[in-house]
Protein backbone atom coordinates (compact mmCIF):
# COMPACT_ATOMS: atom_id res chain seq x y z
CA UNK A 1 255.92 105.87 72.37
CA UNK A 2 253.34 105.82 75.32
CA UNK A 3 251.48 108.69 73.76
CA UNK A 4 251.29 106.57 70.62
CA UNK A 5 249.80 103.53 72.62
CA UNK A 6 247.47 105.60 74.44
CA UNK A 7 246.12 107.25 71.16
CA UNK A 8 245.80 103.67 69.76
CA UNK A 9 243.88 102.42 72.73
CA UNK A 10 241.76 105.71 72.41
CA UNK A 11 240.67 104.71 68.84
CA UNK A 12 239.78 101.33 69.84
CA UNK A 13 236.31 100.44 68.56
CA UNK A 14 233.48 99.51 70.83
CA UNK A 15 229.93 97.95 70.05
CA UNK A 16 228.53 101.41 70.00
CA UNK A 17 231.39 102.99 67.76
CA UNK A 18 231.04 100.07 65.24
CA UNK A 19 227.19 100.47 65.01
CA UNK A 20 228.02 104.26 64.44
CA UNK A 21 230.35 103.26 61.74
CA UNK A 22 228.09 101.02 60.36
CA UNK A 23 225.56 104.14 59.68
CA UNK A 24 228.46 106.36 58.48
CA UNK A 25 232.25 106.54 58.89
CA UNK A 26 232.33 110.25 58.99
CA UNK A 27 230.09 109.98 62.04
CA UNK A 28 232.36 107.48 63.67
CA UNK A 29 235.30 109.55 62.84
CA UNK A 30 233.74 112.43 64.80
CA UNK A 31 232.79 110.27 67.69
CA UNK A 32 236.26 108.71 68.25
CA UNK A 33 238.31 112.22 67.41
CA UNK A 34 236.00 114.54 69.03
CA UNK A 35 234.53 112.49 72.07
CA UNK A 36 233.68 115.99 73.77
CA UNK A 37 231.92 117.23 71.00
CA UNK A 38 228.84 119.05 71.91
CA UNK A 39 226.61 117.21 69.46
CA UNK A 40 227.24 113.98 71.69
CA UNK A 41 225.97 115.36 74.95
CA UNK A 42 222.58 113.58 75.12
CA UNK A 43 219.60 115.82 75.41
CA UNK A 44 216.91 115.51 78.04
CA UNK A 45 215.08 112.87 76.03
CA UNK A 46 217.91 110.55 75.28
CA UNK A 47 219.04 110.71 78.88
CA UNK A 48 215.38 109.53 79.99
CA UNK A 49 215.70 106.69 77.40
CA UNK A 50 219.13 105.66 78.94
CA UNK A 51 217.78 105.73 82.44
CA UNK A 52 214.63 103.64 81.48
CA UNK A 53 216.68 101.41 79.42
CA UNK A 54 219.31 100.81 82.64
CA UNK A 55 216.19 100.04 84.82
CA UNK A 56 214.95 97.42 81.81
CA UNK A 57 218.60 95.73 81.91
CA UNK A 58 218.39 95.41 85.51
CA UNK A 59 214.88 93.99 85.55
CA UNK A 60 215.88 91.53 82.94
CA UNK A 61 218.62 89.86 85.19
CA UNK A 62 215.79 88.72 87.40
CA UNK A 63 214.28 86.58 84.64
CA UNK A 64 217.55 85.05 84.25
CA UNK A 65 218.71 84.70 87.69
CA UNK A 66 221.59 83.13 89.43
CA UNK A 67 224.27 85.61 87.77
CA UNK A 68 227.34 87.53 89.04
CA UNK A 69 227.31 90.98 88.15
CA UNK A 70 230.53 92.68 86.80
CA UNK A 71 230.17 95.79 88.65
CA UNK A 72 232.69 98.36 87.39
CA UNK A 73 232.25 101.90 86.35
CA UNK A 74 230.97 102.15 82.69
CA UNK A 75 234.06 104.27 81.73
CA UNK A 76 236.73 101.73 83.14
CA UNK A 77 236.83 99.33 80.04
CA UNK A 78 240.16 97.73 80.52
CA UNK A 79 239.09 97.20 84.49
CA UNK A 80 235.89 95.61 83.12
CA UNK A 81 237.43 93.23 80.84
CA UNK A 82 239.93 92.26 83.56
CA UNK A 83 236.81 91.75 86.17
CA UNK A 84 235.25 89.64 83.55
CA UNK A 85 238.25 87.53 83.11
CA UNK A 86 238.63 86.90 86.98
CA UNK A 87 234.99 85.98 86.87
CA UNK A 88 235.15 83.43 83.93
CA UNK A 89 237.84 81.68 86.04
CA UNK A 90 234.92 80.71 88.73
CA UNK A 91 232.89 79.32 85.64
CA UNK A 92 229.43 80.95 86.98
CA UNK A 93 226.41 79.96 84.91
CA UNK A 94 225.34 83.65 84.10
CA UNK A 95 227.48 86.92 84.04
CA UNK A 96 225.67 90.28 83.89
CA UNK A 97 227.54 92.95 82.19
CA UNK A 98 230.60 91.22 81.28
CA UNK A 99 233.09 92.74 78.67
CA UNK A 100 235.38 91.44 76.30
CA UNK A 101 238.38 92.78 74.18
CA UNK A 102 239.58 91.24 70.73
CA UNK A 103 240.64 92.49 67.47
CA UNK A 104 240.95 96.00 69.18
CA UNK A 105 237.16 96.07 69.85
CA UNK A 106 235.49 95.92 73.11
CA UNK A 107 232.22 94.22 73.64
CA UNK A 108 229.77 94.54 76.41
CA UNK A 109 227.01 91.74 76.72
CA UNK A 110 223.97 92.18 78.91
CA UNK A 111 223.57 88.61 79.70
CA UNK A 112 225.80 85.92 79.29
CA UNK A 113 224.81 82.33 80.05
CA UNK A 114 226.72 79.04 79.91
CA UNK A 115 225.29 76.13 78.59
CA UNK A 116 226.48 72.32 78.18
CA UNK A 117 227.94 72.86 74.62
CA UNK A 118 228.69 76.57 74.92
CA UNK A 119 227.58 80.23 75.62
CA UNK A 120 224.51 82.22 74.87
CA UNK A 121 224.74 85.93 74.37
CA UNK A 122 221.55 87.62 75.48
CA UNK A 123 221.08 91.46 74.36
CA UNK A 124 218.31 93.16 76.18
CA UNK A 125 216.50 96.04 74.56
CA UNK A 126 214.00 98.46 76.01
CA UNK A 127 211.81 98.05 72.95
CA UNK A 128 208.38 96.48 71.89
CA UNK A 129 209.97 94.32 69.24
CA UNK A 130 212.99 92.98 67.60
CA UNK A 131 214.41 95.86 65.13
CA UNK A 132 216.67 95.26 62.08
CA UNK A 133 219.43 97.16 63.89
CA UNK A 134 219.55 94.95 66.87
CA UNK A 135 221.10 92.23 64.59
CA UNK A 136 224.49 93.82 63.89
CA UNK A 137 224.43 94.71 67.66
CA UNK A 138 224.42 91.19 68.88
CA UNK A 139 226.68 90.16 65.78
CA UNK A 140 229.63 92.12 66.95
CA UNK A 141 229.23 90.55 70.45
CA UNK A 142 229.77 87.31 69.08
CA UNK A 143 232.45 88.09 67.17
CA UNK A 144 234.54 89.73 69.76
CA UNK A 145 233.44 86.70 72.31
CA UNK A 146 234.42 84.17 69.86
CA UNK A 147 237.81 85.82 69.18
CA UNK A 148 238.24 85.88 72.73
CA UNK A 149 238.05 82.05 72.81
CA UNK A 150 234.29 81.59 73.97
CA UNK A 151 232.22 78.83 72.35
CA UNK A 152 229.20 81.16 71.69
CA UNK A 153 226.42 78.81 70.33
CA UNK A 154 223.55 81.01 70.60
CA UNK A 155 222.22 84.67 70.19
CA UNK A 156 219.02 86.06 71.47
CA UNK A 157 217.67 89.49 71.65
CA UNK A 158 215.33 90.05 74.85
CA UNK A 159 213.01 92.71 74.34
CA UNK A 160 209.81 94.05 76.22
CA UNK A 161 206.59 92.23 75.45
CA UNK A 162 203.86 94.46 74.11
CA UNK A 163 201.29 91.89 75.35
CA UNK A 164 202.39 92.33 79.13
CA UNK A 165 199.65 94.18 81.34
CA UNK A 166 200.45 95.53 84.68
CA UNK A 167 200.32 94.00 87.42
CA UNK A 168 201.17 90.83 85.86
CA UNK A 169 204.84 91.22 84.75
CA UNK A 170 205.66 87.60 84.56
CA UNK A 171 205.56 87.82 80.68
CA UNK A 172 207.47 91.39 80.42
CA UNK A 173 209.90 89.99 78.17
CA UNK A 174 210.04 88.12 75.20
CA UNK A 175 213.43 86.40 74.09
CA UNK A 176 214.00 85.77 70.15
CA UNK A 177 216.54 83.31 68.81
CA UNK A 178 218.62 85.69 66.23
CA UNK A 179 221.42 83.05 65.85
CA UNK A 180 220.84 82.11 62.19
CA UNK A 181 220.71 85.81 61.12
CA UNK A 182 223.83 86.76 63.30
CA UNK A 183 225.76 83.94 61.54
CA UNK A 184 225.16 85.62 58.13
CA UNK A 185 226.19 89.04 59.33
CA UNK A 186 229.55 87.59 60.97
CA UNK A 187 230.62 86.74 57.32
CA UNK A 188 231.34 90.39 56.59
CA UNK A 189 231.78 91.62 60.12
CA UNK A 190 235.74 91.24 60.29
CA UNK A 191 236.10 93.13 56.97
CA UNK A 192 233.94 96.01 58.13
CA UNK A 193 235.78 96.37 61.52
CA UNK A 194 239.21 96.50 59.70
CA UNK A 195 237.68 99.22 57.27
CA UNK A 196 236.77 101.19 60.35
CA UNK A 197 239.98 100.93 61.89
CA UNK A 198 241.89 102.15 58.84
CA UNK A 199 239.54 104.97 58.40
CA UNK A 200 240.06 106.06 61.73
CA UNK A 201 243.84 106.33 61.32
CA UNK A 202 243.32 108.61 58.66
CA UNK A 203 241.96 111.95 58.05
CA UNK A 204 238.09 112.74 58.41
CA UNK A 205 236.30 110.68 55.36
CA UNK A 206 234.32 112.22 52.78
CA UNK A 207 230.78 110.62 52.77
CA UNK A 208 227.74 112.25 51.01
CA UNK A 209 224.79 112.83 52.73
CA UNK A 210 221.96 110.57 52.18
CA UNK A 211 219.11 108.33 53.72
CA UNK A 212 221.68 106.88 56.12
CA UNK A 213 221.83 110.39 58.00
CA UNK A 214 218.64 109.24 59.68
CA UNK A 215 218.69 105.77 59.35
CA UNK A 216 218.37 103.82 61.85
CA UNK A 217 218.85 106.89 64.08
CA UNK A 218 219.27 110.52 63.34
CA UNK A 219 222.80 111.12 63.22
CA UNK A 220 224.28 113.77 65.96
CA UNK A 221 226.20 115.50 63.31
CA UNK A 222 223.30 116.21 60.78
CA UNK A 223 223.90 120.18 61.03
CA UNK A 224 227.77 119.88 60.14
CA UNK A 225 227.10 118.02 56.93
CA UNK A 226 223.92 119.12 55.60
CA UNK A 227 223.76 122.36 53.70
CA UNK A 228 221.99 125.23 55.30
CA UNK A 229 218.51 125.30 53.09
CA UNK A 230 217.26 128.65 51.85
CA UNK A 231 214.03 129.81 53.34
CA UNK A 232 211.14 128.31 52.10
CA UNK A 233 213.03 125.52 50.46
CA UNK A 234 211.15 122.95 48.26
CA UNK A 235 211.50 120.30 50.93
CA UNK A 236 209.22 122.39 53.27
CA UNK A 237 206.18 121.47 51.01
CA UNK A 238 204.05 119.57 53.30
CA UNK A 239 204.55 115.85 53.34
CA UNK A 240 206.54 115.82 50.16
CA UNK A 241 207.40 112.34 48.56
CA UNK A 242 211.22 111.79 48.51
CA UNK A 243 210.82 111.05 44.82
CA UNK A 244 209.01 114.35 44.15
CA UNK A 245 211.42 116.24 46.14
CA UNK A 246 214.50 114.92 44.49
CA UNK A 247 212.94 115.72 40.82
CA UNK A 248 212.10 119.41 42.12
CA UNK A 249 215.79 119.72 43.06
CA UNK A 250 217.21 117.93 39.95
CA UNK A 251 215.32 120.59 37.89
CA UNK A 252 217.00 123.45 39.97
CA UNK A 253 214.10 124.69 41.92
CA UNK A 254 215.31 125.62 45.45
CA UNK A 255 212.60 127.84 47.14
CA UNK A 256 209.05 127.44 46.55
CA UNK A 257 208.95 130.57 44.74
CA UNK A 258 210.87 129.06 42.07
CA UNK A 259 208.50 126.53 40.83
CA UNK A 260 206.80 126.88 37.39
CA UNK A 261 203.41 128.71 37.84
CA UNK A 262 201.76 126.12 35.53
CA UNK A 263 202.95 122.98 37.86
CA UNK A 264 199.99 120.72 39.09
CA UNK A 265 200.50 121.00 42.99
CA UNK A 266 198.12 119.55 45.76
CA UNK A 267 195.82 122.03 47.35
CA UNK A 268 198.00 122.42 50.35
CA UNK A 269 201.15 122.63 48.39
CA UNK A 270 199.38 125.31 46.04
CA UNK A 271 198.48 127.35 49.22
CA UNK A 272 202.03 127.15 50.68
CA UNK A 273 203.44 128.27 47.18
CA UNK A 274 200.91 131.15 46.86
CA UNK A 275 201.58 132.48 50.33
CA UNK A 276 205.61 132.49 49.69
CA UNK A 277 205.28 134.23 46.52
CA UNK A 278 203.00 136.98 47.91
CA UNK A 279 204.78 137.09 51.24
CA UNK A 280 201.32 137.03 52.85
CA UNK A 281 199.09 134.42 54.62
CA UNK A 282 196.34 132.70 52.26
CA UNK A 283 192.94 132.30 53.72
CA UNK A 284 190.53 130.21 51.68
CA UNK A 285 186.66 131.02 51.39
CA UNK A 286 186.14 127.82 52.78
CA UNK A 287 187.28 128.28 56.10
CA UNK A 288 183.98 129.83 57.23
CA UNK A 289 182.25 126.31 56.81
CA UNK A 290 185.26 124.47 58.32
CA UNK A 291 184.61 126.66 61.56
CA UNK A 292 180.94 126.00 61.72
CA UNK A 293 181.48 122.91 63.47
CA UNK A 294 183.01 124.78 66.78
CA UNK A 295 179.70 125.43 68.30
CA UNK A 296 179.54 127.30 71.74
CA UNK A 297 179.97 126.40 74.63
CA UNK A 298 183.29 125.16 73.73
CA UNK A 299 185.89 123.49 76.00
CA UNK A 300 189.51 123.64 74.74
CA UNK A 301 191.53 120.57 75.87
CA UNK A 302 194.84 119.36 75.89
CA UNK A 303 196.56 116.39 77.46
CA UNK A 304 200.12 115.58 78.72
CA UNK A 305 201.22 112.13 79.03
CA UNK A 306 204.16 109.92 80.47
CA UNK A 307 205.71 106.58 78.96
CA UNK A 308 207.33 104.05 80.90
CA UNK A 309 209.17 100.98 79.65
CA UNK A 310 208.19 99.06 82.74
CA UNK A 311 204.33 99.52 83.14
CA UNK A 312 203.69 100.87 86.87
CA UNK A 313 199.66 101.19 86.80
CA UNK A 314 197.02 98.45 85.96
CA UNK A 315 196.11 97.49 82.75
CA UNK A 316 199.12 99.40 81.23
CA UNK A 317 201.70 97.86 78.74
CA UNK A 318 205.37 98.73 78.16
CA UNK A 319 205.61 102.16 76.54
CA UNK A 320 202.15 103.13 76.74
CA UNK A 321 201.19 106.80 76.87
CA UNK A 322 199.51 107.53 79.96
CA UNK A 323 197.67 110.74 80.36
CA UNK A 324 198.57 112.50 83.78
CA UNK A 325 197.81 116.15 83.21
CA UNK A 326 195.10 118.04 81.30
CA UNK A 327 194.50 121.84 80.81
CA UNK A 328 190.82 122.95 80.00
CA UNK A 329 189.75 126.40 79.00
CA UNK A 330 185.84 126.15 79.05
CA UNK A 331 182.94 128.57 77.92
CA UNK A 332 180.57 128.36 80.92
CA UNK A 333 177.37 130.36 81.11
CA UNK A 334 177.65 133.29 83.17
CA UNK A 335 181.37 133.01 83.89
CA UNK A 336 182.98 133.32 80.49
CA UNK A 337 186.02 131.34 79.65
CA UNK A 338 187.16 129.51 82.87
CA UNK A 339 190.54 127.57 83.05
CA UNK A 340 190.46 123.89 84.49
CA UNK A 341 193.55 122.04 85.19
CA UNK A 342 194.77 118.85 86.90
CA UNK A 343 198.29 117.52 87.42
CA UNK A 344 199.26 114.34 88.88
CA UNK A 345 201.09 114.68 92.55
CA UNK A 346 202.88 111.65 93.19
CA UNK A 347 203.65 107.89 91.90
CA UNK A 348 200.18 106.56 92.39
CA UNK A 349 197.65 105.82 89.47
CA UNK A 350 196.75 109.34 88.52
CA UNK A 351 193.82 108.25 86.17
CA UNK A 352 190.96 107.78 88.42
CA UNK A 353 191.04 111.57 89.85
CA UNK A 354 192.04 112.81 86.38
CA UNK A 355 189.21 111.50 84.53
CA UNK A 356 186.70 112.73 87.31
CA UNK A 357 188.21 115.88 86.94
CA UNK A 358 187.95 116.07 83.23
CA UNK A 359 184.38 115.04 83.29
CA UNK A 360 183.57 117.77 85.68
CA UNK A 361 185.42 120.43 83.46
CA UNK A 362 183.83 119.42 80.25
CA UNK A 363 180.29 118.76 81.70
CA UNK A 364 178.80 121.75 79.72
CA UNK A 365 180.38 121.93 76.60
CA UNK A 366 178.70 121.13 73.35
CA UNK A 367 182.23 120.61 71.69
CA UNK A 368 185.46 119.78 72.88
CA UNK A 369 188.42 121.28 70.82
CA UNK A 370 191.77 119.88 70.56
CA UNK A 371 194.81 120.30 68.33
CA UNK A 372 195.62 116.99 66.35
CA UNK A 373 192.58 115.50 67.95
CA UNK A 374 193.52 111.79 67.58
CA UNK A 375 195.80 112.19 70.43
CA UNK A 376 193.21 113.37 72.90
CA UNK A 377 190.73 110.68 71.38
CA UNK A 378 193.61 108.16 72.41
CA UNK A 379 193.88 109.43 76.06
CA UNK A 380 190.02 109.29 76.40
CA UNK A 381 189.93 105.96 75.38
CA UNK A 382 192.85 104.91 77.85
CA UNK A 383 190.96 106.62 80.50
CA UNK A 384 187.48 104.51 79.74
CA UNK A 385 189.66 101.45 79.96
CA UNK A 386 191.08 102.56 83.27
CA UNK A 387 188.25 104.14 85.00
CA UNK A 388 184.98 101.84 83.67
CA UNK A 389 182.71 103.74 86.18
CA UNK A 390 183.14 106.98 84.26
CA UNK A 391 182.99 105.20 80.52
CA UNK A 392 179.66 106.66 79.84
CA UNK A 393 180.73 110.48 80.56
CA UNK A 394 184.03 109.77 79.01
CA UNK A 395 182.47 108.36 75.97
CA UNK A 396 180.28 111.77 75.49
CA UNK A 397 183.36 114.00 75.71
CA UNK A 398 185.09 111.49 72.92
CA UNK A 399 182.12 112.05 70.84
CA UNK A 400 182.31 115.88 70.97
CA UNK A 401 185.88 116.04 70.05
CA UNK A 402 186.61 118.57 67.06
CA UNK A 403 190.10 119.07 65.80
CA UNK A 404 191.16 122.41 65.25
CA UNK A 405 194.08 121.44 62.95
CA UNK A 406 192.40 120.36 59.78
CA UNK A 407 190.82 123.69 59.85
CA UNK A 408 194.19 125.35 59.53
CA UNK A 409 195.97 123.08 57.35
CA UNK A 410 193.16 122.72 54.70
CA UNK A 411 192.29 126.50 54.39
CA UNK A 412 195.09 128.72 55.59
CA UNK A 413 198.88 128.99 55.14
CA UNK A 414 201.05 131.25 56.71
CA UNK A 415 204.77 131.82 55.20
CA UNK A 416 206.02 131.63 58.90
CA UNK A 417 204.48 127.88 59.15
CA UNK A 418 207.68 126.95 57.78
CA UNK A 419 206.10 123.89 56.37
CA UNK A 420 204.44 122.60 59.47
CA UNK A 421 201.42 122.59 60.94
CA UNK A 422 202.41 122.07 64.55
CA UNK A 423 200.91 124.28 67.03
CA UNK A 424 204.41 125.53 67.89
CA UNK A 425 204.65 126.98 64.38
CA UNK A 426 201.35 127.94 63.69
CA UNK A 427 200.38 129.74 66.98
CA UNK A 428 202.95 132.66 66.73
CA UNK A 429 202.23 133.25 63.03
CA UNK A 430 198.47 133.50 63.57
CA UNK A 431 198.73 135.08 66.99
CA UNK A 432 201.77 137.48 66.78
CA UNK A 433 203.16 137.95 70.50
CA UNK A 434 202.25 134.65 71.59
CA UNK A 435 204.31 131.51 71.57
CA UNK A 436 206.28 128.89 73.79
CA UNK A 437 209.52 131.13 73.84
CA UNK A 438 208.65 132.61 77.47
CA UNK A 439 208.09 129.36 79.22
CA UNK A 440 210.43 127.34 81.19
CA UNK A 441 209.27 124.22 79.75
CA UNK A 442 208.67 124.78 75.93
CA UNK A 443 208.04 121.33 74.26
CA UNK A 444 206.17 118.11 74.66
CA UNK A 445 209.56 115.77 75.16
CA UNK A 446 210.83 117.95 77.78
CA UNK A 447 207.38 118.01 79.39
CA UNK A 448 206.96 114.25 79.44
CA UNK A 449 210.47 113.84 81.20
CA UNK A 450 209.82 116.57 83.76
CA UNK A 451 206.35 115.03 84.79
CA UNK A 452 208.13 111.51 85.30
CA UNK A 453 210.70 113.43 87.57
CA UNK A 454 207.67 115.25 89.41
CA UNK A 455 205.55 111.99 89.87
CA UNK A 456 208.45 109.60 90.74
CA UNK A 457 210.94 111.71 92.32
CA UNK A 458 209.03 114.83 93.45
CA UNK A 459 208.90 113.59 97.28
CA UNK A 460 212.54 113.84 97.26
CA UNK A 461 213.01 117.17 95.73
CA UNK A 462 213.61 120.50 97.90
CA UNK A 463 209.71 121.92 98.34
CA UNK A 464 210.73 124.94 96.61
CA UNK A 465 212.15 123.08 93.34
CA UNK A 466 209.03 120.87 93.60
CA UNK A 467 206.77 123.82 93.53
CA UNK A 468 208.67 125.63 90.72
CA UNK A 469 208.44 122.40 88.52
CA UNK A 470 204.84 122.14 88.98
CA UNK A 471 204.27 125.65 88.13
CA UNK A 472 206.32 125.21 84.89
CA UNK A 473 204.42 122.12 84.11
CA UNK A 474 201.13 123.62 84.52
CA UNK A 475 202.11 126.96 82.58
CA UNK A 476 203.01 124.58 79.77
CA UNK A 477 199.99 122.73 79.29
CA UNK A 478 197.74 125.63 79.90
CA UNK A 479 199.41 127.36 77.04
CA UNK A 480 198.59 124.55 74.70
CA UNK A 481 194.73 125.07 75.44
CA UNK A 482 194.97 128.69 75.47
CA UNK A 483 196.65 128.70 72.23
CA UNK A 484 193.59 126.85 70.80
CA UNK A 485 191.27 129.69 72.21
CA UNK A 486 193.34 132.39 70.41
CA UNK A 487 193.73 130.61 67.57
CA UNK A 488 190.06 130.08 66.94
CA UNK A 489 189.46 133.57 67.89
CA UNK A 490 191.88 134.69 65.04
CA UNK A 491 190.42 132.27 62.52
CA UNK A 492 187.01 133.60 63.13
CA UNK A 493 188.31 137.25 62.50
CA UNK A 494 189.72 136.29 59.24
CA UNK A 495 186.37 134.87 58.19
CA UNK A 496 184.76 138.15 59.25
CA UNK A 497 187.26 140.10 57.47
CA UNK A 498 186.55 138.23 54.20
CA UNK A 499 182.79 138.79 54.49
CA UNK A 500 183.33 142.28 55.08
CA UNK A 501 185.18 142.34 51.61
CA UNK A 502 182.20 141.00 49.77
């Protein structure tokens, strides 16, 4: 009997589980019946979002002051409910992190305020705007609280304000009243809760794949449901529209090689299909003209950025990308190719020193090469606003930017690109033996999180760990700029080989 009760309690819904069930019942079933599934272990990026979200939650309380915190470990749900019940007897005007249980569903509230006619539920979100998926999040809280006997008269979402600028954080948050739309969602909410509970009591439900697998979030169990696609599947056609993909699949085309030879395709798609059919890289004769813009002396530039929910440096807004590192391989007269690099060393504003080092590194370059140059352009514009004394020099770097990505995307395709023109895919295909696989930090998301750790926590790390982290970050950024050097060399070699043939 005790085991049965425990099993039933383990299948209780929560706000998080309810929202997963709204997206897909199969996802919810796995979350409840396989809580230790490896897919549910948060990756480094998600852990960073959780940490910054917790900081936003804590900061939000100072904007709704005078409250009592239900300070119970997050996994002790019944104890949190009991502590909330005790606190409610004291009738405080504000409660932080109270928890309630009704309809076999737990609901935690970020901030609960008491007014003259009832309570207001305030859901804090570490986003810069109200999103559609926030509404059912708030609705299930209102439902559980009302079933618990509370008169909830108002529902709000308190999110970050994109107009806020450091150092004035007085307007860090925006509070939006979502009561009317929540009331509309509440009409069908009890039935959905009941349907989820019935589903959880049975076997794994059969739910077909579809758009819901990635909306509003990528399901962690995608690989369990989605079939393994054959190599060069038609879905790998660059930026193919959903409608066109559905038509190809309905007509029985799986691989790009299966497509009819008389099919009208875009230039990029036609190049992809040709490369797949021949099993060889396709190089257009137009590549030579595209490379004419890359006139020496060149600088090959890559930035790395961090993004903070709560801005820390002057002029920054919530979640703004802030450049804190760069690598530049620069062709210098009499010295050949010289590597310059800069990496923030602590929590202070890194931008003045970075901008100064960048200007010095690129001073002699006629063109500054980037891969997806709009990102580097945004970084430079950010530096111009942050360091106005160097605006002229930074503007000249911005004006000299040339993008290597279109030279590849519009003129070259290798079957090993796999439908992507990211540098992580194009580099090993164009330059065999050179990739990111040998690096300790091998992707941008990890680099961003580790940059934050180095800058904000580096002083508390053991010296050896701090030095190793710094080396890993420098190596990753250096690989990005070195990759451009080697890819441009290879593209020029391909053009020379074409000329030799004619």
